[in-house]
Amino acid sequence: MNNMIRIETNNGKASLFTPYNPDFVKAVKKIGGAAWDGKEKCWTVPEAQVPAARFIMEEIYGYSDKIPNEPVTVLVTFHDDVWEQREDLVLFGKILAHAYERDSGAKPGEDVAYIQGDITSGGSRKNWLSIVKKGSIAILTNVNRTVYEREKAYLSPYIETEVMETKPDKAMLLEEKEFLLKQIADIDRMLQEA
């Protein structure tokens, strides 16, 4: 299931464990009291703000600690150069190209593999670019199906995508079963308390 998101509460604070996504970072910083915990490698927010944090997770990642992840593998073909100025080039929550200055070069983020083509940096010193070159083909794994369906309608005409069929993974199915059983146990507990 690859449900990499979890929320842990303790002493009035909630720790938000999520994969890195620049859009999530921008959004979570808008929650009053949000802070990065470098030791635990998570964002913390006041426990009362968990509903807001969960809403942001579902908007950015397509799932949360309460809604399971449904990952798909996506084949992406670039029919022209595609770039982002002064930040990462992101598609479906995955970093396609990360550069930090004009001459830094670029590298892909987690869950992104190029099987053809190249990524690089460019632009000027002040306005550097993260670039995916024309003719590149990438495979993106662990893309949330909801995010894919929502964003594919707004893609550049120079980007073509296709969901690749994959066989169910036994470990993934067991993880999903465990997640659902935990959700049922939580519901049973809430019913007993009601």
N, C-alpha and C. Protein backbone atom coordinates (compact mmCIF):
# COMPACT_ATOMS: atom_id res chain seq x y z
N MET A 1 0.82 -1.18 0.00
CA MET A 1 0.00 0.00 0.00
C MET A 1 0.87 1.25 0.00
N ASN A 2 2.07 1.15 0.51
CA ASN A 2 2.99 2.29 0.53
C ASN A 2 2.38 3.51 1.20
N ASN A 3 1.68 3.28 2.31
CA ASN A 3 1.10 4.39 3.05
C ASN A 3 2.20 4.98 3.91
N MET A 4 2.95 5.92 3.36
CA MET A 4 4.12 6.48 4.02
C MET A 4 3.77 7.64 4.94
N ILE A 5 2.49 7.90 5.15
CA ILE A 5 2.06 9.01 5.97
C ILE A 5 1.55 8.48 7.30
N ARG A 6 1.98 9.16 8.38
CA ARG A 6 1.42 8.84 9.69
C ARG A 6 1.44 10.09 10.56
N ILE A 7 0.55 10.11 11.54
CA ILE A 7 0.47 11.20 12.51
C ILE A 7 0.57 10.59 13.89
N GLU A 8 1.49 11.12 14.69
CA GLU A 8 1.64 10.67 16.07
C GLU A 8 1.40 11.87 16.99
N THR A 9 0.56 11.68 18.01
CA THR A 9 0.27 12.77 18.94
C THR A 9 0.88 12.46 20.31
N ASN A 10 1.36 13.55 20.95
CA ASN A 10 1.98 13.41 22.27
C ASN A 10 2.06 14.79 22.92
N ASN A 11 1.54 14.92 24.13
CA ASN A 11 1.64 16.16 24.90
C ASN A 11 1.13 17.38 24.15
N GLY A 12 0.01 17.25 23.46
CA GLY A 12 -0.59 18.39 22.78
C GLY A 12 0.00 18.72 21.43
N LYS A 13 1.00 17.95 20.98
CA LYS A 13 1.61 18.18 19.67
C LYS A 13 1.38 16.96 18.78
N ALA A 14 1.31 17.23 17.49
CA ALA A 14 1.17 16.14 16.51
C ALA A 14 2.39 16.16 15.59
N SER A 15 3.00 15.00 15.41
CA SER A 15 4.13 14.85 14.49
C SER A 15 3.60 14.29 13.18
N LEU A 16 3.92 14.99 12.09
CA LEU A 16 3.43 14.61 10.76
C LEU A 16 4.57 13.99 9.96
N PHE A 17 4.49 12.71 9.72
CA PHE A 17 5.51 12.00 8.95
C PHE A 17 4.99 11.81 7.53
N THR A 18 5.65 12.45 6.56
CA THR A 18 5.21 12.41 5.16
C THR A 18 6.43 12.33 4.25
N PRO A 19 6.23 11.86 3.00
CA PRO A 19 7.32 11.97 2.03
C PRO A 19 7.57 13.44 1.72
N TYR A 20 8.77 13.77 1.26
CA TYR A 20 9.06 15.17 0.93
C TYR A 20 8.25 15.60 -0.29
N ASN A 21 7.62 16.74 -0.17
CA ASN A 21 6.91 17.36 -1.28
C ASN A 21 6.94 18.86 -1.04
N PRO A 22 7.50 19.66 -1.97
CA PRO A 22 7.60 21.10 -1.74
C PRO A 22 6.25 21.78 -1.54
N ASP A 23 5.20 21.26 -2.18
CA ASP A 23 3.87 21.84 -1.99
C ASP A 23 3.36 21.60 -0.58
N PHE A 24 3.67 20.43 -0.01
CA PHE A 24 3.26 20.16 1.37
C PHE A 24 3.99 21.10 2.33
N VAL A 25 5.27 21.31 2.10
CA VAL A 25 6.05 22.21 2.96
C VAL A 25 5.44 23.61 2.96
N LYS A 26 5.12 24.13 1.76
CA LYS A 26 4.52 25.47 1.67
C LYS A 26 3.19 25.51 2.43
N ALA A 27 2.38 24.47 2.28
CA ALA A 27 1.05 24.45 2.89
C ALA A 27 1.11 24.28 4.40
N VAL A 28 1.96 23.39 4.90
CA VAL A 28 1.99 23.13 6.34
C VAL A 28 2.54 24.33 7.10
N LYS A 29 3.39 25.12 6.46
CA LYS A 29 3.92 26.33 7.11
C LYS A 29 2.83 27.36 7.39
N LYS A 30 1.67 27.21 6.76
CA LYS A 30 0.56 28.13 6.98
C LYS A 30 -0.29 27.74 8.19
N ILE A 31 0.06 26.64 8.86
CA ILE A 31 -0.61 26.25 10.09
C ILE A 31 0.11 26.91 11.25
N GLY A 32 -0.62 27.66 12.07
CA GLY A 32 -0.02 28.32 13.23
C GLY A 32 0.65 27.32 14.15
N GLY A 33 1.89 27.58 14.52
CA GLY A 33 2.63 26.69 15.41
C GLY A 33 3.37 25.57 14.71
N ALA A 34 3.30 25.51 13.38
CA ALA A 34 4.01 24.45 12.63
C ALA A 34 5.51 24.68 12.73
N ALA A 35 6.26 23.59 12.90
CA ALA A 35 7.72 23.69 12.99
C ALA A 35 8.32 22.39 12.47
N TRP A 36 9.50 22.50 11.86
CA TRP A 36 10.23 21.33 11.38
C TRP A 36 11.04 20.75 12.54
N ASP A 37 10.92 19.45 12.77
CA ASP A 37 11.70 18.75 13.79
C ASP A 37 12.80 17.99 13.05
N GLY A 38 14.01 18.58 13.02
CA GLY A 38 15.12 17.98 12.28
C GLY A 38 15.58 16.66 12.86
N LYS A 39 15.43 16.47 14.15
CA LYS A 39 15.84 15.21 14.78
C LYS A 39 14.94 14.05 14.36
N GLU A 40 13.62 14.29 14.42
CA GLU A 40 12.66 13.24 14.07
C GLU A 40 12.35 13.20 12.58
N LYS A 41 12.77 14.24 11.83
CA LYS A 41 12.52 14.36 10.40
C LYS A 41 11.01 14.38 10.11
N CYS A 42 10.32 15.30 10.79
CA CYS A 42 8.88 15.45 10.59
C CYS A 42 8.48 16.88 10.91
N TRP A 43 7.29 17.25 10.48
CA TRP A 43 6.70 18.54 10.85
C TRP A 43 5.87 18.32 12.10
N THR A 44 5.86 19.31 12.99
CA THR A 44 4.99 19.24 14.16
C THR A 44 4.00 20.40 14.11
N VAL A 45 2.79 20.13 14.57
CA VAL A 45 1.74 21.14 14.67
C VAL A 45 1.02 20.90 15.99
N PRO A 46 0.30 21.91 16.50
CA PRO A 46 -0.51 21.67 17.69
C PRO A 46 -1.53 20.57 17.40
N GLU A 47 -1.80 19.73 18.39
CA GLU A 47 -2.70 18.60 18.19
C GLU A 47 -4.07 19.05 17.69
N ALA A 48 -4.52 20.22 18.11
CA ALA A 48 -5.83 20.74 17.66
C ALA A 48 -5.85 21.00 16.15
N GLN A 49 -4.67 21.09 15.53
CA GLN A 49 -4.60 21.37 14.09
C GLN A 49 -4.50 20.10 13.23
N VAL A 50 -4.66 18.93 13.84
CA VAL A 50 -4.58 17.68 13.07
C VAL A 50 -5.60 17.65 11.93
N PRO A 51 -6.86 18.10 12.13
CA PRO A 51 -7.79 18.09 10.98
C PRO A 51 -7.28 18.93 9.81
N ALA A 52 -6.68 20.09 10.10
CA ALA A 52 -6.13 20.93 9.01
C ALA A 52 -4.97 20.22 8.34
N ALA A 53 -4.08 19.62 9.13
CA ALA A 53 -2.93 18.89 8.57
C ALA A 53 -3.40 17.73 7.71
N ARG A 54 -4.41 17.02 8.17
CA ARG A 54 -4.95 15.88 7.42
C ARG A 54 -5.56 16.35 6.10
N PHE A 55 -6.27 17.47 6.13
CA PHE A 55 -6.85 18.04 4.91
C PHE A 55 -5.75 18.36 3.90
N ILE A 56 -4.66 18.98 4.37
CA ILE A 56 -3.53 19.32 3.49
C ILE A 56 -2.92 18.05 2.91
N MET A 57 -2.72 17.02 3.74
CA MET A 57 -2.17 15.75 3.25
C MET A 57 -3.02 15.19 2.12
N GLU A 58 -4.34 15.19 2.32
CA GLU A 58 -5.23 14.61 1.32
C GLU A 58 -5.23 15.43 0.04
N GLU A 59 -5.09 16.75 0.15
CA GLU A 59 -5.02 17.60 -1.04
C GLU A 59 -3.70 17.40 -1.80
N ILE A 60 -2.59 17.32 -1.07
CA ILE A 60 -1.27 17.23 -1.71
C ILE A 60 -0.94 15.80 -2.13
N TYR A 61 -1.13 14.85 -1.21
CA TYR A 61 -0.71 13.46 -1.48
C TYR A 61 -1.83 12.57 -2.01
N GLY A 62 -3.10 12.98 -1.80
CA GLY A 62 -4.22 12.15 -2.23
C GLY A 62 -4.63 11.14 -1.18
N TYR A 63 -3.93 11.09 -0.06
CA TYR A 63 -4.25 10.18 1.04
C TYR A 63 -3.72 10.76 2.34
N SER A 64 -4.07 10.11 3.44
CA SER A 64 -3.60 10.55 4.75
C SER A 64 -3.48 9.32 5.64
N ASP A 65 -3.36 9.56 6.94
CA ASP A 65 -3.32 8.44 7.88
C ASP A 65 -4.69 7.77 8.01
N LYS A 66 -5.75 8.43 7.53
CA LYS A 66 -7.11 7.89 7.61
C LYS A 66 -7.64 7.40 6.27
N ILE A 67 -7.06 7.85 5.18
CA ILE A 67 -7.47 7.42 3.84
C ILE A 67 -6.30 6.68 3.21
N PRO A 68 -6.49 5.40 2.84
CA PRO A 68 -5.36 4.62 2.31
C PRO A 68 -4.86 5.12 0.96
N ASN A 69 -3.60 4.89 0.72
CA ASN A 69 -2.97 5.24 -0.55
C ASN A 69 -3.27 4.15 -1.58
N GLU A 70 -3.61 4.55 -2.79
CA GLU A 70 -3.76 3.61 -3.90
C GLU A 70 -2.72 4.00 -4.95
N PRO A 71 -1.51 3.40 -4.88
CA PRO A 71 -0.44 3.81 -5.79
C PRO A 71 -0.56 3.17 -7.18
N VAL A 72 -0.10 3.94 -8.17
CA VAL A 72 0.00 3.44 -9.54
C VAL A 72 1.40 3.79 -10.05
N THR A 73 1.81 3.11 -11.10
CA THR A 73 3.06 3.39 -11.78
C THR A 73 2.72 4.09 -13.09
N VAL A 74 3.40 5.21 -13.36
CA VAL A 74 3.06 6.04 -14.51
C VAL A 74 4.28 6.18 -15.43
N LEU A 75 4.06 5.95 -16.71
CA LEU A 75 5.06 6.18 -17.75
C LEU A 75 4.83 7.60 -18.28
N VAL A 76 5.89 8.43 -18.26
CA VAL A 76 5.77 9.83 -18.68
C VAL A 76 6.73 10.07 -19.85
N THR A 77 6.21 10.61 -20.94
CA THR A 77 7.01 10.93 -22.12
C THR A 77 6.98 12.44 -22.33
N PHE A 78 8.15 13.04 -22.56
CA PHE A 78 8.28 14.48 -22.75
C PHE A 78 8.54 14.77 -24.22
N HIS A 79 7.61 15.46 -24.87
CA HIS A 79 7.71 15.77 -26.30
C HIS A 79 8.39 17.11 -26.56
N ASP A 80 8.78 17.81 -25.51
CA ASP A 80 9.53 19.06 -25.61
C ASP A 80 10.22 19.28 -24.27
N ASP A 81 11.18 20.21 -24.23
CA ASP A 81 11.80 20.55 -22.95
C ASP A 81 10.72 21.09 -22.00
N VAL A 82 10.80 20.69 -20.75
CA VAL A 82 9.88 21.16 -19.71
C VAL A 82 10.75 21.62 -18.56
N TRP A 83 10.42 22.79 -17.96
CA TRP A 83 11.28 23.31 -16.88
C TRP A 83 10.47 24.05 -15.84
N GLU A 84 11.13 24.28 -14.71
CA GLU A 84 10.59 25.10 -13.63
C GLU A 84 11.69 26.07 -13.23
N GLN A 85 11.33 27.32 -13.01
CA GLN A 85 12.31 28.35 -12.67
C GLN A 85 12.49 28.46 -11.16
N ARG A 86 13.74 28.35 -10.71
CA ARG A 86 14.17 28.55 -9.32
C ARG A 86 13.54 27.58 -8.32
N GLU A 87 13.10 26.42 -8.77
CA GLU A 87 12.60 25.40 -7.85
C GLU A 87 12.56 24.05 -8.56
N ASP A 88 12.15 23.03 -7.80
CA ASP A 88 12.06 21.69 -8.36
C ASP A 88 10.94 21.62 -9.40
N LEU A 89 11.13 20.77 -10.40
CA LEU A 89 10.09 20.46 -11.38
C LEU A 89 9.36 19.24 -10.83
N VAL A 90 8.08 19.39 -10.53
CA VAL A 90 7.30 18.36 -9.85
C VAL A 90 6.11 17.96 -10.71
N LEU A 91 5.83 16.65 -10.75
CA LEU A 91 4.66 16.12 -11.45
C LEU A 91 4.05 15.02 -10.59
N PHE A 92 2.77 15.08 -10.34
CA PHE A 92 2.05 14.11 -9.52
C PHE A 92 2.71 13.92 -8.15
N GLY A 93 3.28 15.00 -7.62
CA GLY A 93 3.92 14.94 -6.31
C GLY A 93 5.31 14.34 -6.33
N LYS A 94 5.85 14.05 -7.49
CA LYS A 94 7.19 13.46 -7.61
C LYS A 94 8.14 14.48 -8.22
N ILE A 95 9.35 14.57 -7.69
CA ILE A 95 10.33 15.53 -8.19
C ILE A 95 10.99 14.97 -9.44
N LEU A 96 10.67 15.56 -10.59
CA LEU A 96 11.23 15.12 -11.87
C LEU A 96 12.67 15.60 -12.03
N ALA A 97 12.95 16.84 -11.57
CA ALA A 97 14.30 17.40 -11.70
C ALA A 97 14.53 18.38 -10.55
N HIS A 98 15.62 18.17 -9.83
CA HIS A 98 16.01 19.05 -8.74
C HIS A 98 17.36 19.67 -9.09
N ALA A 99 17.34 20.99 -9.30
CA ALA A 99 18.57 21.75 -9.49
C ALA A 99 18.57 22.85 -8.44
N TYR A 100 19.73 23.41 -8.15
CA TYR A 100 19.78 24.48 -7.15
C TYR A 100 20.55 25.70 -7.63
N GLU A 101 21.11 25.61 -8.82
CA GLU A 101 21.72 26.77 -9.48
C GLU A 101 21.91 26.44 -10.96
N ARG A 102 22.30 27.44 -11.75
CA ARG A 102 22.40 27.27 -13.20
C ARG A 102 23.31 26.11 -13.60
N ASP A 103 24.45 25.97 -12.95
CA ASP A 103 25.44 24.97 -13.35
C ASP A 103 25.48 23.74 -12.44
N SER A 104 24.46 23.55 -11.62
CA SER A 104 24.47 22.44 -10.65
C SER A 104 24.16 21.09 -11.27
N GLY A 105 23.58 21.09 -12.46
CA GLY A 105 23.04 19.84 -12.99
C GLY A 105 21.74 19.57 -12.25
N ALA A 106 21.11 18.47 -12.54
CA ALA A 106 19.85 18.13 -11.88
C ALA A 106 19.84 16.65 -11.56
N LYS A 107 19.03 16.29 -10.58
CA LYS A 107 18.85 14.87 -10.26
C LYS A 107 17.38 14.61 -9.98
N PRO A 108 16.93 13.38 -10.24
CA PRO A 108 15.53 13.06 -10.00
C PRO A 108 15.29 12.79 -8.52
N GLY A 109 14.04 12.95 -8.10
CA GLY A 109 13.66 12.63 -6.74
C GLY A 109 13.36 11.15 -6.59
N GLU A 110 13.01 10.79 -5.36
CA GLU A 110 12.65 9.42 -5.05
C GLU A 110 11.45 9.00 -5.90
N ASP A 111 11.39 7.76 -6.30
CA ASP A 111 10.30 7.19 -7.09
C ASP A 111 10.29 7.65 -8.55
N VAL A 112 11.38 8.26 -9.03
CA VAL A 112 11.48 8.70 -10.42
C VAL A 112 12.71 8.04 -11.05
N ALA A 113 12.51 7.37 -12.20
CA ALA A 113 13.62 6.74 -12.91
C ALA A 113 13.50 7.07 -14.40
N TYR A 114 14.57 7.61 -14.96
CA TYR A 114 14.59 7.93 -16.39
C TYR A 114 15.12 6.72 -17.15
N ILE A 115 14.36 6.29 -18.15
CA ILE A 115 14.80 5.17 -18.98
C ILE A 115 15.28 5.66 -20.34
N GLN A 116 15.08 6.96 -20.58
CA GLN A 116 15.56 7.58 -21.82
C GLN A 116 15.65 9.08 -21.59
N GLY A 117 16.61 9.72 -22.25
CA GLY A 117 16.71 11.17 -22.17
C GLY A 117 17.58 11.65 -21.03
N ASP A 118 17.36 12.92 -20.65
CA ASP A 118 18.26 13.54 -19.67
C ASP A 118 17.54 14.67 -18.93
N ILE A 119 18.06 14.96 -17.74
CA ILE A 119 17.64 16.13 -16.98
C ILE A 119 18.87 16.98 -16.71
N THR A 120 18.67 18.28 -16.56
CA THR A 120 19.81 19.18 -16.38
C THR A 120 19.35 20.46 -15.71
N SER A 121 20.28 21.39 -15.55
CA SER A 121 19.96 22.73 -15.06
C SER A 121 20.33 23.71 -16.17
N GLY A 122 19.87 24.96 -16.02
CA GLY A 122 20.18 25.97 -17.03
C GLY A 122 19.66 27.31 -16.59
N GLY A 123 19.42 28.19 -17.56
CA GLY A 123 18.95 29.53 -17.25
C GLY A 123 20.11 30.46 -16.92
N SER A 124 19.84 31.44 -16.07
CA SER A 124 20.87 32.38 -15.66
C SER A 124 21.21 32.16 -14.18
N ARG A 125 22.23 32.87 -13.70
CA ARG A 125 22.61 32.71 -12.30
C ARG A 125 21.46 33.02 -11.35
N LYS A 126 20.72 34.10 -11.61
CA LYS A 126 19.62 34.49 -10.73
C LYS A 126 18.35 33.70 -11.01
N ASN A 127 18.14 33.32 -12.25
CA ASN A 127 16.92 32.62 -12.65
C ASN A 127 17.25 31.26 -13.25
N TRP A 128 17.81 30.40 -12.40
CA TRP A 128 18.19 29.06 -12.85
C TRP A 128 16.95 28.20 -13.07
N LEU A 129 17.12 27.12 -13.84
CA LEU A 129 16.02 26.25 -14.21
C LEU A 129 16.33 24.79 -13.85
N SER A 130 15.30 24.04 -13.47
CA SER A 130 15.34 22.58 -13.38
C SER A 130 14.67 22.10 -14.66
N ILE A 131 15.39 21.30 -15.47
CA ILE A 131 14.93 20.99 -16.83
C ILE A 131 14.87 19.49 -17.09
N VAL A 132 13.78 19.04 -17.73
CA VAL A 132 13.69 17.71 -18.31
C VAL A 132 13.76 17.92 -19.81
N LYS A 133 14.71 17.24 -20.48
CA LYS A 133 14.96 17.45 -21.91
C LYS A 133 13.92 16.71 -22.78
N LYS A 134 13.66 17.31 -23.94
CA LYS A 134 12.79 16.73 -24.94
C LYS A 134 13.24 15.31 -25.27
N GLY A 135 12.28 14.40 -25.40
CA GLY A 135 12.58 13.01 -25.73
C GLY A 135 12.81 12.13 -24.51
N SER A 136 12.79 12.71 -23.33
CA SER A 136 13.00 11.93 -22.11
C SER A 136 11.76 11.09 -21.81
N ILE A 137 12.00 9.94 -21.20
CA ILE A 137 10.92 9.06 -20.75
C ILE A 137 11.25 8.66 -19.32
N ALA A 138 10.28 8.83 -18.43
CA ALA A 138 10.48 8.49 -17.01
C ALA A 138 9.40 7.54 -16.54
N ILE A 139 9.75 6.73 -15.55
CA ILE A 139 8.77 5.88 -14.87
C ILE A 139 8.65 6.42 -13.45
N LEU A 140 7.43 6.79 -13.06
CA LEU A 140 7.14 7.29 -11.73
C LEU A 140 6.41 6.20 -10.96
N THR A 141 6.96 5.77 -9.85
CA THR A 141 6.33 4.75 -9.03
C THR A 141 5.68 5.38 -7.81
N ASN A 142 4.76 4.66 -7.21
CA ASN A 142 4.06 5.10 -6.00
C ASN A 142 3.34 6.43 -6.19
N VAL A 143 2.78 6.65 -7.37
CA VAL A 143 1.97 7.85 -7.63
C VAL A 143 0.56 7.56 -7.11
N ASN A 144 0.02 8.46 -6.30
CA ASN A 144 -1.32 8.27 -5.79
C ASN A 144 -2.33 8.40 -6.95
N ARG A 145 -3.22 7.43 -7.07
CA ARG A 145 -4.18 7.40 -8.18
C ARG A 145 -5.06 8.66 -8.18
N THR A 146 -5.50 9.12 -7.03
CA THR A 146 -6.35 10.32 -6.95
C THR A 146 -5.61 11.54 -7.48
N VAL A 147 -4.35 11.70 -7.07
CA VAL A 147 -3.54 12.82 -7.53
C VAL A 147 -3.33 12.71 -9.04
N TYR A 148 -3.04 11.51 -9.53
CA TYR A 148 -2.84 11.30 -10.97
C TYR A 148 -4.10 11.72 -11.75
N GLU A 149 -5.26 11.21 -11.33
CA GLU A 149 -6.50 11.50 -12.05
C GLU A 149 -6.82 12.99 -12.01
N ARG A 150 -6.56 13.63 -10.88
CA ARG A 150 -6.87 15.06 -10.73
C ARG A 150 -5.95 15.93 -11.58
N GLU A 151 -4.65 15.61 -11.63
CA GLU A 151 -3.68 16.47 -12.30
C GLU A 151 -3.50 16.21 -13.78
N LYS A 152 -3.82 15.01 -14.26
CA LYS A 152 -3.53 14.69 -15.66
C LYS A 152 -4.31 15.58 -16.63
N ALA A 153 -5.47 16.06 -16.21
CA ALA A 153 -6.27 16.93 -17.08
C ALA A 153 -5.62 18.28 -17.32
N TYR A 154 -4.68 18.67 -16.45
CA TYR A 154 -4.06 19.99 -16.55
C TYR A 154 -2.63 19.95 -17.07
N LEU A 155 -2.22 18.81 -17.62
CA LEU A 155 -0.85 18.66 -18.09
C LEU A 155 -0.58 19.50 -19.34
N SER A 156 0.67 19.87 -19.47
CA SER A 156 1.14 20.52 -20.69
C SER A 156 0.90 19.58 -21.87
N PRO A 157 0.61 20.11 -23.04
CA PRO A 157 0.43 19.24 -24.21
C PRO A 157 1.74 18.52 -24.60
N TYR A 158 2.86 18.94 -24.02
CA TYR A 158 4.15 18.33 -24.33
C TYR A 158 4.46 17.14 -23.42
N ILE A 159 3.55 16.83 -22.50
CA ILE A 159 3.76 15.71 -21.58
C ILE A 159 2.65 14.68 -21.81
N GLU A 160 3.06 13.44 -22.07
CA GLU A 160 2.12 12.34 -22.28
C GLU A 160 2.30 11.34 -21.13
N THR A 161 1.19 10.88 -20.57
CA THR A 161 1.28 9.92 -19.45
C THR A 161 0.42 8.69 -19.72
N GLU A 162 0.81 7.61 -19.09
CA GLU A 162 0.07 6.35 -19.21
C GLU A 162 0.30 5.55 -17.93
N VAL A 163 -0.79 5.03 -17.34
CA VAL A 163 -0.66 4.17 -16.17
C VAL A 163 -0.21 2.80 -16.65
N MET A 164 0.85 2.31 -16.04
CA MET A 164 1.37 0.98 -16.38
C MET A 164 0.70 -0.05 -15.49
N GLU A 165 0.27 -1.13 -16.08
CA GLU A 165 -0.36 -2.19 -15.31
C GLU A 165 0.70 -2.95 -14.53
N THR A 166 0.43 -3.16 -13.26
CA THR A 166 1.35 -3.92 -12.41
C THR A 166 0.56 -5.00 -11.67
N LYS A 167 1.23 -6.09 -11.38
CA LYS A 167 0.60 -7.17 -10.62
C LYS A 167 0.55 -6.77 -9.15
N PRO A 168 -0.52 -7.20 -8.43
CA PRO A 168 -0.58 -6.89 -7.01
C PRO A 168 0.60 -7.55 -6.28
N ASP A 169 1.19 -6.83 -5.39
CA ASP A 169 2.31 -7.30 -4.61
C ASP A 169 1.77 -7.87 -3.30
N LYS A 170 2.17 -9.10 -2.94
CA LYS A 170 1.66 -9.74 -1.73
C LYS A 170 1.95 -8.90 -0.49
N ALA A 171 3.16 -8.37 -0.39
CA ALA A 171 3.51 -7.55 0.77
C ALA A 171 2.62 -6.30 0.83
N MET A 172 2.35 -5.72 -0.33
CA MET A 172 1.49 -4.54 -0.37
C MET A 172 0.08 -4.89 0.07
N LEU A 173 -0.44 -6.03 -0.37
CA LEU A 173 -1.78 -6.45 0.02
C LEU A 173 -1.86 -6.73 1.51
N LEU A 174 -0.82 -7.35 2.08
CA LEU A 174 -0.79 -7.59 3.52
C LEU A 174 -0.74 -6.28 4.30
N GLU A 175 0.02 -5.33 3.81
CA GLU A 175 0.10 -4.02 4.45
C GLU A 175 -1.25 -3.32 4.40
N GLU A 176 -1.93 -3.40 3.25
CA GLU A 176 -3.25 -2.79 3.13
C GLU A 176 -4.25 -3.45 4.07
N LYS A 177 -4.17 -4.78 4.19
CA LYS A 177 -5.06 -5.50 5.11
C LYS A 177 -4.82 -5.03 6.54
N GLU A 178 -3.56 -4.89 6.94
CA GLU A 178 -3.23 -4.42 8.29
C GLU A 178 -3.78 -3.00 8.52
N PHE A 179 -3.64 -2.14 7.52
CA PHE A 179 -4.15 -0.76 7.61
C PHE A 179 -5.66 -0.78 7.82
N LEU A 180 -6.38 -1.59 7.03
CA LEU A 180 -7.83 -1.64 7.13
C LEU A 180 -8.29 -2.23 8.46
N LEU A 181 -7.59 -3.25 8.96
CA LEU A 181 -7.93 -3.82 10.26
C LEU A 181 -7.73 -2.80 11.38
N LYS A 182 -6.70 -1.98 11.26
CA LYS A 182 -6.47 -0.91 12.25
C LYS A 182 -7.62 0.09 12.20
N GLN A 183 -8.06 0.44 10.99
CA GLN A 183 -9.19 1.37 10.85
C GLN A 183 -10.45 0.79 11.48
N ILE A 184 -10.69 -0.50 11.28
CA ILE A 184 -11.86 -1.16 11.87
C ILE A 184 -11.77 -1.14 13.39
N ALA A 185 -10.57 -1.41 13.92
CA ALA A 185 -10.37 -1.38 15.38
C ALA A 185 -10.64 0.02 15.93
N ASP A 186 -10.19 1.06 15.20
CA ASP A 186 -10.46 2.43 15.63
C ASP A 186 -11.95 2.74 15.64
N ILE A 187 -12.66 2.27 14.63
CA ILE A 187 -14.11 2.48 14.55
C ILE A 187 -14.81 1.75 15.69
N ASP A 188 -14.40 0.50 15.95
CA ASP A 188 -14.99 -0.26 17.07
C ASP A 188 -14.78 0.47 18.40
N ARG A 189 -13.58 1.02 18.60
CA ARG A 189 -13.29 1.75 19.82
C ARG A 189 -14.17 2.98 19.95
N MET A 190 -14.33 3.73 18.85
CA MET A 190 -15.17 4.93 18.87
C MET A 190 -16.64 4.58 19.13
N LEU A 191 -17.10 3.43 18.58
CA LEU A 191 -18.47 3.01 18.80
C LEU A 191 -18.70 2.66 20.27
N GLN A 192 -17.72 2.02 20.88
CA GLN A 192 -17.84 1.66 22.31
C GLN A 192 -17.86 2.90 23.18
N GLU A 193 -17.09 3.93 22.78
CA GLU A 193 -17.05 5.16 23.57
C GLU A 193 -18.30 6.00 23.39
N ALA A 194 -19.00 5.81 22.26
CA ALA A 194 -20.20 6.64 21.97
C ALA A 194 -21.40 6.23 22.80
